[in-house]
């Protein structure tokens, strides 16, 4: 298992775990980041990530992306 920040651009992975406080987990789940879901890194801009999840593109900063393990 590794954090989402370690995934290469264009690579599709399955979410294994989401860490953090309950409100953080709920926020990520509301965006579609649910254990078992497939996500793809679309691009990286410095410490920001564009991630394709459930046919939607979502921008996350590095701190949030580190809480998603694949």
N, C-alpha and C. Protein backbone atom coordinates (compact mmCIF):
# COMPACT_ATOMS: atom_id res chain seq x y z
N UNK A 1 0.85 -1.18 0.00
CA UNK A 1 0.00 0.00 0.00
C UNK A 1 0.89 1.24 0.00
N UNK A 2 0.48 2.25 -0.78
CA UNK A 2 1.24 3.49 -0.85
C UNK A 2 0.27 4.67 -0.97
N UNK A 3 0.72 5.88 -0.61
CA UNK A 3 -0.17 7.03 -0.75
C UNK A 3 -0.39 7.38 -2.22
N UNK A 4 -1.51 8.01 -2.50
CA UNK A 4 -1.87 8.39 -3.86
C UNK A 4 -0.81 9.30 -4.49
N UNK A 5 -0.07 10.02 -3.67
CA UNK A 5 0.95 10.94 -4.18
C UNK A 5 2.09 10.20 -4.90
N UNK A 6 2.23 8.90 -4.68
CA UNK A 6 3.31 8.11 -5.29
C UNK A 6 2.92 7.53 -6.66
N UNK A 7 1.66 7.68 -7.05
CA UNK A 7 1.17 7.10 -8.29
C UNK A 7 1.60 7.97 -9.48
N UNK A 8 1.97 7.33 -10.57
CA UNK A 8 2.40 8.05 -11.78
C UNK A 8 1.20 8.60 -12.54
N UNK A 9 1.43 9.65 -13.30
CA UNK A 9 0.38 10.24 -14.15
C UNK A 9 -0.10 9.19 -15.16
N UNK A 10 -1.42 9.07 -15.28
CA UNK A 10 -2.02 8.13 -16.21
C UNK A 10 -2.27 6.76 -15.63
N UNK A 11 -1.75 6.49 -14.44
CA UNK A 11 -1.91 5.17 -13.82
C UNK A 11 -3.25 5.08 -13.09
N UNK A 12 -3.96 3.99 -13.28
CA UNK A 12 -5.21 3.73 -12.57
C UNK A 12 -4.96 2.78 -11.42
N UNK A 13 -5.51 3.11 -10.26
CA UNK A 13 -5.32 2.32 -9.05
C UNK A 13 -6.64 2.21 -8.29
N UNK A 14 -6.69 1.26 -7.36
CA UNK A 14 -7.87 1.04 -6.52
C UNK A 14 -7.58 1.57 -5.11
N UNK A 15 -8.52 2.32 -4.54
CA UNK A 15 -8.35 2.86 -3.19
C UNK A 15 -8.47 1.72 -2.19
N UNK A 16 -7.47 1.60 -1.31
CA UNK A 16 -7.44 0.54 -0.29
C UNK A 16 -7.84 1.07 1.08
N UNK A 17 -7.49 2.34 1.37
CA UNK A 17 -7.72 2.88 2.71
C UNK A 17 -7.70 4.41 2.64
N UNK A 18 -8.49 5.04 3.50
CA UNK A 18 -8.45 6.50 3.64
C UNK A 18 -8.18 6.79 5.11
N UNK A 19 -7.12 7.56 5.38
CA UNK A 19 -6.77 7.88 6.76
C UNK A 19 -7.19 9.31 7.08
N UNK A 20 -7.12 9.65 8.35
CA UNK A 20 -7.47 11.00 8.78
C UNK A 20 -8.65 10.99 9.73
N UNK A 21 -9.04 12.20 10.15
CA UNK A 21 -10.19 12.34 11.05
C UNK A 21 -11.48 11.99 10.31
N UNK A 22 -12.52 11.74 11.07
CA UNK A 22 -13.81 11.35 10.48
C UNK A 22 -14.34 12.39 9.50
N UNK A 23 -14.20 13.68 9.83
CA UNK A 23 -14.70 14.72 8.92
C UNK A 23 -13.91 14.75 7.62
N UNK A 24 -12.62 14.46 7.70
CA UNK A 24 -11.79 14.40 6.49
C UNK A 24 -12.21 13.22 5.62
N UNK A 25 -12.44 12.08 6.26
CA UNK A 25 -12.88 10.89 5.52
C UNK A 25 -14.22 11.13 4.85
N UNK A 26 -15.15 11.75 5.58
CA UNK A 26 -16.47 12.05 5.00
C UNK A 26 -16.35 13.01 3.82
N UNK A 27 -15.49 14.02 3.94
CA UNK A 27 -15.28 14.97 2.85
C UNK A 27 -14.77 14.25 1.60
N UNK A 28 -13.76 13.41 1.76
CA UNK A 28 -13.21 12.68 0.61
C UNK A 28 -14.24 11.72 0.03
N UNK A 29 -15.01 11.07 0.88
CA UNK A 29 -16.07 10.17 0.40
C UNK A 29 -17.12 10.93 -0.38
N UNK A 30 -17.43 12.16 0.03
CA UNK A 30 -18.43 12.96 -0.69
C UNK A 30 -17.94 13.34 -2.08
N UNK A 31 -16.63 13.37 -2.26
CA UNK A 31 -16.05 13.66 -3.58
C UNK A 31 -15.94 12.40 -4.45
N UNK A 32 -16.22 11.23 -3.86
CA UNK A 32 -16.17 9.98 -4.61
C UNK A 32 -15.01 9.07 -4.27
N UNK A 33 -14.17 9.49 -3.32
CA UNK A 33 -13.02 8.68 -2.92
C UNK A 33 -13.48 7.67 -1.87
N UNK A 34 -13.89 6.50 -2.34
CA UNK A 34 -14.43 5.44 -1.49
C UNK A 34 -13.56 4.20 -1.66
N UNK A 35 -13.30 3.50 -0.56
CA UNK A 35 -12.49 2.28 -0.61
C UNK A 35 -13.09 1.33 -1.64
N UNK A 36 -12.24 0.84 -2.53
CA UNK A 36 -12.68 -0.06 -3.60
C UNK A 36 -12.89 0.65 -4.93
N UNK A 37 -12.94 1.99 -4.90
CA UNK A 37 -13.14 2.75 -6.14
C UNK A 37 -11.83 2.86 -6.92
N UNK A 38 -11.96 2.96 -8.24
CA UNK A 38 -10.80 3.14 -9.11
C UNK A 38 -10.59 4.63 -9.35
N UNK A 39 -9.33 5.07 -9.24
CA UNK A 39 -8.98 6.46 -9.50
C UNK A 39 -7.78 6.50 -10.45
N UNK A 40 -7.68 7.59 -11.21
CA UNK A 40 -6.57 7.78 -12.14
C UNK A 40 -5.99 9.17 -11.93
N UNK A 41 -4.66 9.25 -11.85
CA UNK A 41 -4.00 10.55 -11.77
C UNK A 41 -3.97 11.14 -13.17
N UNK A 42 -4.60 12.30 -13.35
CA UNK A 42 -4.64 12.96 -14.65
C UNK A 42 -3.42 13.85 -14.81
N UNK A 43 -3.10 14.64 -13.79
CA UNK A 43 -1.91 15.50 -13.85
C UNK A 43 -1.50 15.95 -12.46
N UNK A 44 -0.25 16.44 -12.40
CA UNK A 44 0.29 16.99 -11.16
C UNK A 44 0.83 18.38 -11.47
N UNK A 45 0.47 19.34 -10.63
CA UNK A 45 0.97 20.71 -10.75
C UNK A 45 1.58 21.09 -9.41
N UNK A 46 2.90 20.99 -9.31
CA UNK A 46 3.55 21.27 -8.03
C UNK A 46 3.06 20.29 -6.98
N UNK A 47 2.33 20.81 -5.98
CA UNK A 47 1.82 19.95 -4.92
C UNK A 47 0.32 19.72 -5.05
N UNK A 48 -0.23 19.97 -6.23
CA UNK A 48 -1.65 19.75 -6.48
C UNK A 48 -1.83 18.63 -7.50
N UNK A 49 -2.92 17.89 -7.34
CA UNK A 49 -3.19 16.75 -8.20
C UNK A 49 -4.57 16.88 -8.82
N UNK A 50 -4.69 16.51 -10.09
CA UNK A 50 -5.99 16.38 -10.74
C UNK A 50 -6.22 14.88 -10.85
N UNK A 51 -7.33 14.42 -10.27
CA UNK A 51 -7.61 12.99 -10.17
C UNK A 51 -8.96 12.70 -10.79
N UNK A 52 -9.02 11.67 -11.62
CA UNK A 52 -10.28 11.23 -12.21
C UNK A 52 -10.87 10.16 -11.30
N UNK A 53 -12.07 10.45 -10.77
CA UNK A 53 -12.74 9.51 -9.90
C UNK A 53 -14.22 9.51 -10.27
N UNK A 54 -14.77 8.35 -10.57
CA UNK A 54 -16.18 8.20 -10.96
C UNK A 54 -16.55 9.17 -12.09
N UNK A 55 -15.78 9.19 -13.16
CA UNK A 55 -16.03 10.02 -14.34
C UNK A 55 -16.05 11.52 -14.03
N UNK A 56 -15.41 11.93 -12.95
CA UNK A 56 -15.32 13.33 -12.58
C UNK A 56 -13.87 13.65 -12.26
N UNK A 57 -13.43 14.85 -12.64
CA UNK A 57 -12.08 15.27 -12.28
C UNK A 57 -12.14 16.11 -11.02
N UNK A 58 -11.28 15.76 -10.07
CA UNK A 58 -11.23 16.44 -8.77
C UNK A 58 -9.81 16.91 -8.53
N UNK A 59 -9.67 18.13 -8.01
CA UNK A 59 -8.35 18.66 -7.64
C UNK A 59 -8.15 18.47 -6.14
N UNK A 60 -7.01 17.91 -5.77
CA UNK A 60 -6.66 17.75 -4.36
C UNK A 60 -5.25 18.28 -4.14
N UNK A 61 -5.02 18.85 -2.95
CA UNK A 61 -3.65 19.23 -2.62
C UNK A 61 -2.91 18.00 -2.08
N UNK A 62 -1.62 18.15 -1.92
CA UNK A 62 -0.78 17.02 -1.52
C UNK A 62 -1.18 16.47 -0.15
N UNK A 63 -1.57 17.34 0.78
CA UNK A 63 -1.95 16.87 2.12
C UNK A 63 -3.16 15.94 2.07
N UNK A 64 -4.15 16.27 1.25
CA UNK A 64 -5.33 15.41 1.12
C UNK A 64 -4.97 14.13 0.36
N UNK A 65 -4.19 14.25 -0.69
CA UNK A 65 -3.82 13.09 -1.51
C UNK A 65 -3.01 12.08 -0.69
N UNK A 66 -2.25 12.55 0.28
CA UNK A 66 -1.45 11.65 1.13
C UNK A 66 -2.32 10.79 2.04
N UNK A 67 -3.57 11.19 2.23
CA UNK A 67 -4.47 10.44 3.12
C UNK A 67 -5.17 9.29 2.39
N UNK A 68 -5.01 9.24 1.08
CA UNK A 68 -5.64 8.19 0.28
C UNK A 68 -4.57 7.15 -0.05
N UNK A 69 -4.78 5.93 0.37
CA UNK A 69 -3.82 4.85 0.12
C UNK A 69 -4.35 3.89 -0.93
N UNK A 70 -3.46 3.49 -1.83
CA UNK A 70 -3.83 2.62 -2.94
C UNK A 70 -2.95 1.39 -2.95
